[in-house]
Protein backbone atom coordinates (compact mmCIF):
# COMPACT_ATOMS: atom_id res chain seq x y z
CA MET A 1 114.18 98.47 106.20
CA GLN A 2 115.42 96.12 108.89
CA ILE A 3 113.40 95.99 111.45
CA SER A 4 113.82 94.46 115.38
CA ALA A 5 111.66 94.67 118.32
CA TYR A 6 111.21 93.58 122.06
CA THR A 7 108.32 92.57 124.00
CA TYR A 8 107.31 92.78 127.97
CA THR A 9 104.43 92.41 129.99
CA ASN A 10 104.29 91.95 133.53
CA ARG A 11 101.09 91.78 136.22
CA GLY A 12 102.54 94.29 138.56
CA GLY A 13 101.27 93.91 141.82
CA ARG A 14 97.75 92.39 140.77
CA ASP A 15 96.73 89.03 140.89
CA HIS A 16 96.38 88.33 137.33
CA ASN A 17 97.74 90.38 134.16
CA GLU A 18 94.80 91.98 132.02
CA ASP A 19 97.45 93.43 129.36
CA SER A 20 98.08 91.45 125.72
CA VAL A 21 100.68 91.90 123.28
CA ARG A 22 101.66 90.53 120.15
CA ALA A 23 104.56 91.31 117.90
CA SER A 24 106.04 90.01 114.29
CA ALA A 25 109.15 92.33 113.37
CA ALA A 26 109.36 90.15 110.20
CA ARG A 27 105.93 91.13 109.13
CA GLY A 28 106.18 94.70 111.10
CA VAL A 29 103.03 94.31 113.05
CA PHE A 30 102.81 95.31 116.83
CA VAL A 31 99.66 95.44 118.79
CA LEU A 32 98.76 95.81 122.51
CA ALA A 33 96.05 96.34 124.63
CA ASP A 34 95.05 96.81 128.24
CA GLY A 35 91.75 95.26 129.80
CA LEU A 36 90.06 97.22 132.02
CA GLY A 37 90.26 96.34 135.66
CA GLY A 38 87.14 96.52 137.41
CA HIS A 39 85.33 95.72 134.53
CA GLY A 40 85.52 92.06 134.64
CA SER A 41 87.05 89.71 132.15
CA GLY A 42 89.47 92.68 131.05
CA GLU A 43 92.23 90.06 130.19
CA VAL A 44 89.50 88.35 127.86
CA ALA A 45 88.80 91.64 126.24
CA SER A 46 92.08 92.56 125.51
CA ALA A 47 93.08 89.22 124.13
CA LEU A 48 90.24 89.29 121.66
CA ALA A 49 91.39 92.74 120.55
CA VAL A 50 94.93 92.07 120.11
CA ASP A 51 94.16 88.43 118.50
CA THR A 52 91.49 90.09 116.15
CA LEU A 53 93.87 92.95 114.85
CA PHE A 54 97.18 91.18 114.80
CA THR A 55 95.56 88.74 112.33
CA GLY A 56 94.16 91.23 110.08
CA MET A 57 96.97 93.10 110.28
CA THR A 58 99.29 90.20 109.33
CA GLN A 59 96.82 88.85 106.67
CA ALA A 60 96.66 92.39 104.65
CA GLU A 61 98.71 93.20 101.67
CA ALA A 62 98.48 96.81 102.40
CA LEU A 63 97.08 98.73 105.19
CA ASP A 64 96.42 102.30 105.54
CA GLU A 65 94.42 104.74 108.01
CA THR A 66 91.04 103.64 106.47
CA ASP A 67 91.97 99.60 107.08
CA LEU A 68 93.20 100.19 110.42
CA LEU A 69 90.32 101.79 111.60
CA THR A 70 87.97 99.08 110.04
CA LEU A 71 90.12 96.31 111.85
CA PHE A 72 89.29 98.22 115.39
CA GLN A 73 85.48 98.22 114.67
CA SER A 74 85.56 95.06 113.96
CA ALA A 75 87.43 94.06 117.01
CA ASN A 76 84.90 96.19 118.77
CA GLU A 77 82.06 94.27 117.56
CA GLU A 78 83.96 90.77 118.45
CA ILE A 79 84.00 92.03 122.03
CA LEU A 80 80.09 93.29 121.81
CA ARG A 81 79.46 89.92 120.84
CA GLN A 82 81.26 88.12 123.41
CA GLN A 83 79.78 90.29 126.27
CA ALA A 84 76.63 87.94 125.84
CA GLN A 85 78.60 85.75 127.65
CA PRO A 86 77.99 85.14 131.55
CA GLY A 87 80.51 87.61 133.80
CA GLN A 88 81.91 88.95 130.20
CA GLU A 89 78.87 91.71 130.13
CA GLU A 90 80.98 94.92 131.25
CA MET A 91 84.62 93.73 129.32
CA ARG A 92 86.16 96.84 127.95
CA THR A 93 89.69 97.22 126.45
CA THR A 94 92.04 100.16 125.44
CA ALA A 95 94.33 99.18 122.17
CA VAL A 96 97.00 100.67 120.25
CA ALA A 97 98.30 99.19 116.81
CA LEU A 98 101.27 100.14 114.67
CA ARG A 99 102.13 98.65 111.20
CA LEU A 100 105.27 99.47 109.61
CA ALA A 101 105.86 98.68 105.85
CA ASP A 102 107.47 100.21 102.46
CA ASP A 103 109.18 103.01 104.67
CA GLN A 104 105.88 104.16 106.35
CA ALA A 105 104.25 103.74 109.37
CA VAL A 106 100.44 103.54 109.86
CA TRP A 107 99.17 103.37 113.61
CA THR A 108 95.56 103.55 115.34
CA HIS A 109 95.07 103.72 119.14
CA ILE A 110 91.53 103.83 121.63
CA GLY A 111 91.65 104.56 125.27
CA ASP A 112 95.26 105.34 126.99
CA SER A 113 97.60 102.69 125.67
CA ARG A 114 100.21 105.01 123.69
CA LEU A 115 102.35 105.05 121.10
CA TYR A 116 105.66 107.00 120.99
CA ARG A 117 107.49 107.90 117.75
CA PHE A 118 110.92 109.26 117.69
CA SER A 119 113.55 110.37 114.86
CA GLY A 120 116.56 111.06 114.89
CA GLY A 121 116.77 110.17 118.81
CA GLU A 122 113.87 112.66 119.18
CA LEU A 123 110.53 112.61 120.26
CA ALA A 124 108.31 112.94 116.95
CA GLY A 125 104.85 112.36 118.65
CA VAL A 126 102.66 110.52 121.23
CA THR A 127 99.38 109.31 120.87
CA ALA A 128 96.62 111.64 122.72
CA ASP A 129 94.74 109.92 125.43
CA HIS A 130 91.23 109.18 125.09
CA SER A 131 90.78 110.41 129.29
CA VAL A 132 88.99 113.03 131.01
CA THR A 133 92.52 114.04 132.33
CA TYR A 134 94.22 114.26 128.87
CA ARG A 135 90.83 116.78 128.03
CA LYS A 136 91.59 118.79 130.61
CA PHE A 137 95.38 119.13 130.01
CA LEU A 138 94.25 119.90 126.43
CA GLY A 139 91.48 122.65 127.78
CA GLY A 140 94.64 124.23 129.57
CA GLU A 141 93.37 123.14 133.12
CA ILE A 142 95.81 121.18 134.27
CA SER A 143 100.12 120.66 132.90
CA TYR A 144 101.07 117.79 131.22
CA MET A 145 102.68 116.54 134.13
CA ASP A 146 99.32 116.45 135.95
CA VAL A 147 98.33 113.97 133.09
CA TYR A 148 100.70 111.37 135.03
CA HIS A 149 98.71 111.66 138.69
CA ASP A 150 95.26 113.74 138.08
CA ASP A 151 92.52 111.96 139.68
CA ASP A 152 90.30 111.54 136.56
CA ARG A 153 93.41 109.76 134.50
CA SER A 154 91.54 106.39 134.62
CA ARG A 155 87.94 107.87 133.43
CA LEU A 156 88.37 107.09 130.01
CA LEU A 157 86.20 108.55 127.07
CA ARG A 158 86.66 106.15 124.14
CA VAL A 159 87.24 102.05 124.62
CA LEU A 160 86.58 98.71 122.89
CA GLY A 161 83.41 97.11 124.20
CA ARG A 162 81.41 100.44 123.85
CA GLU A 163 79.44 101.82 121.37
CA PRO A 164 80.36 104.68 119.36
CA CYS A 165 83.63 102.98 118.91
CA ARG A 166 85.89 105.95 118.08
CA PRO A 167 89.41 105.29 117.52
CA GLU A 168 92.30 107.51 116.22
CA ALA A 169 94.81 106.80 113.29
CA GLY A 170 98.01 108.31 112.20
CA ARG A 171 101.21 107.94 109.37
CA ALA A 172 104.32 109.03 108.78
CA ASP A 173 107.16 108.36 106.90
CA VAL A 174 110.31 106.08 108.22
CA SER A 175 113.65 106.14 108.48
CA PRO A 176 116.38 104.26 109.86
CA GLY A 177 117.21 105.37 113.05
CA ASP A 178 113.40 105.81 113.79
CA ALA A 179 112.11 104.04 116.83
CA PHE A 180 108.83 103.28 118.77
CA LEU A 181 107.30 102.38 121.89
CA LEU A 182 103.78 100.83 122.77
CA CYS A 183 102.72 101.00 126.16
CA SER A 184 100.24 100.23 128.33
CA ASP A 185 99.47 102.94 131.20
CA GLY A 186 100.67 100.89 133.87
CA PHE A 187 103.93 101.55 132.27
CA TRP A 188 103.99 105.25 130.92
CA GLU A 189 102.43 106.73 134.04
CA PHE A 190 106.15 106.09 135.99
CA VAL A 191 108.61 106.77 133.39
CA TYR A 192 108.69 110.25 131.75
CA ASN A 193 108.88 111.37 128.03
CA GLU A 194 112.57 113.13 128.65
CA GLU A 195 113.57 109.45 130.42
CA ILE A 196 112.46 107.57 127.43
CA GLN A 197 114.04 109.36 124.92
CA ALA A 198 117.38 109.66 127.03
CA ASP A 199 117.20 105.54 127.31
CA LEU A 200 116.59 105.27 123.57
CA CYS A 201 119.59 107.32 122.99
CA THR A 202 122.27 105.15 124.56
CA ALA A 203 120.65 102.09 123.74
CA ARG A 204 122.02 99.19 120.87
CA THR A 205 118.85 97.31 120.74
CA PRO A 206 115.03 97.27 121.49
CA GLU A 207 115.84 94.91 124.22
CA GLU A 208 118.17 97.22 125.52
CA TRP A 209 116.35 99.98 125.46
CA ALA A 210 113.14 98.19 127.44
CA GLU A 211 115.41 97.12 130.13
CA ARG A 212 116.73 100.34 130.91
CA MET A 213 113.12 101.86 131.14
CA LEU A 214 111.82 99.15 133.28
CA LEU A 215 114.83 100.05 135.65
CA ARG A 216 113.43 102.88 136.13
CA HIS A 217 109.52 101.70 136.10
CA ILE A 218 110.42 99.52 139.36
CA ARG A 219 112.15 101.70 141.20
CA ARG A 220 108.84 103.54 141.57
CA THR A 221 105.88 101.20 141.46
CA PRO A 222 104.19 100.97 144.45
CA PRO A 223 102.62 97.72 146.13
CA GLY A 224 99.40 96.94 144.14
CA SER A 225 100.59 98.60 141.30
CA ASP A 226 98.74 98.12 137.72
CA ASN A 227 99.86 95.66 134.98
CA PHE A 228 102.49 97.11 132.78
CA SER A 229 103.62 95.91 129.25
CA LEU A 230 105.47 97.63 126.32
CA ILE A 231 106.97 96.91 123.10
CA THR A 232 110.05 98.43 121.60
CA VAL A 233 110.77 98.47 117.89
CA PHE A 234 113.73 99.71 116.18
CA VAL A 235 113.98 100.86 112.49
CA GLU A 236 117.37 99.97 110.67
CA ALA A 237 118.62 100.32 107.50
CA CYS A 238 119.18 96.74 105.66
CA GLY A 239 122.56 95.24 105.99
């Protein structure tokens, strides 16, 4: 199994970037976090989360869902400790992490940073946002397309930097031709699932896939738009 990846982050229309990303295709480890704007030091929280998760994932010889959930708990504890620093009392962050190894994908997420999984060029799964809006969708109050624009979309039910910490994990088999997208809400709110899939089907590399989606994104973002980040990952046969 050969893995290639591309990372991108942008402060958008904000004064600074509260997103953090780290990736290692060689180790099959990918982490993205979105510090919450309006909570102060969001960039500190996202960096703490990404560093804790990335270090733990790269150092582990084997990693299952339970191990990843434990790492998320460790990241939460680190952020809670750092909240004792002046100006950092309210910092929070979302996070999503993916590990690819031995023909298996294992992932965990909290908040509304997403993982999209594609197999055979078809959408095979998307993580469920931990938000009031997504709960309204699951309850049948709104449609899936309403999720992108609902007034409650920024009201998150689960984040790092708050107790209890309740991330969710998943696992799937991986085959050559599979692809993954990790992204913050500042990206996915402007690029729809069908477009993500269409751009994947015509892209030859993770970078090309990202560039095509970013072209859609840039045409739609209004002034003052949120930070946006993504990691694109291709799985191919060796040789």
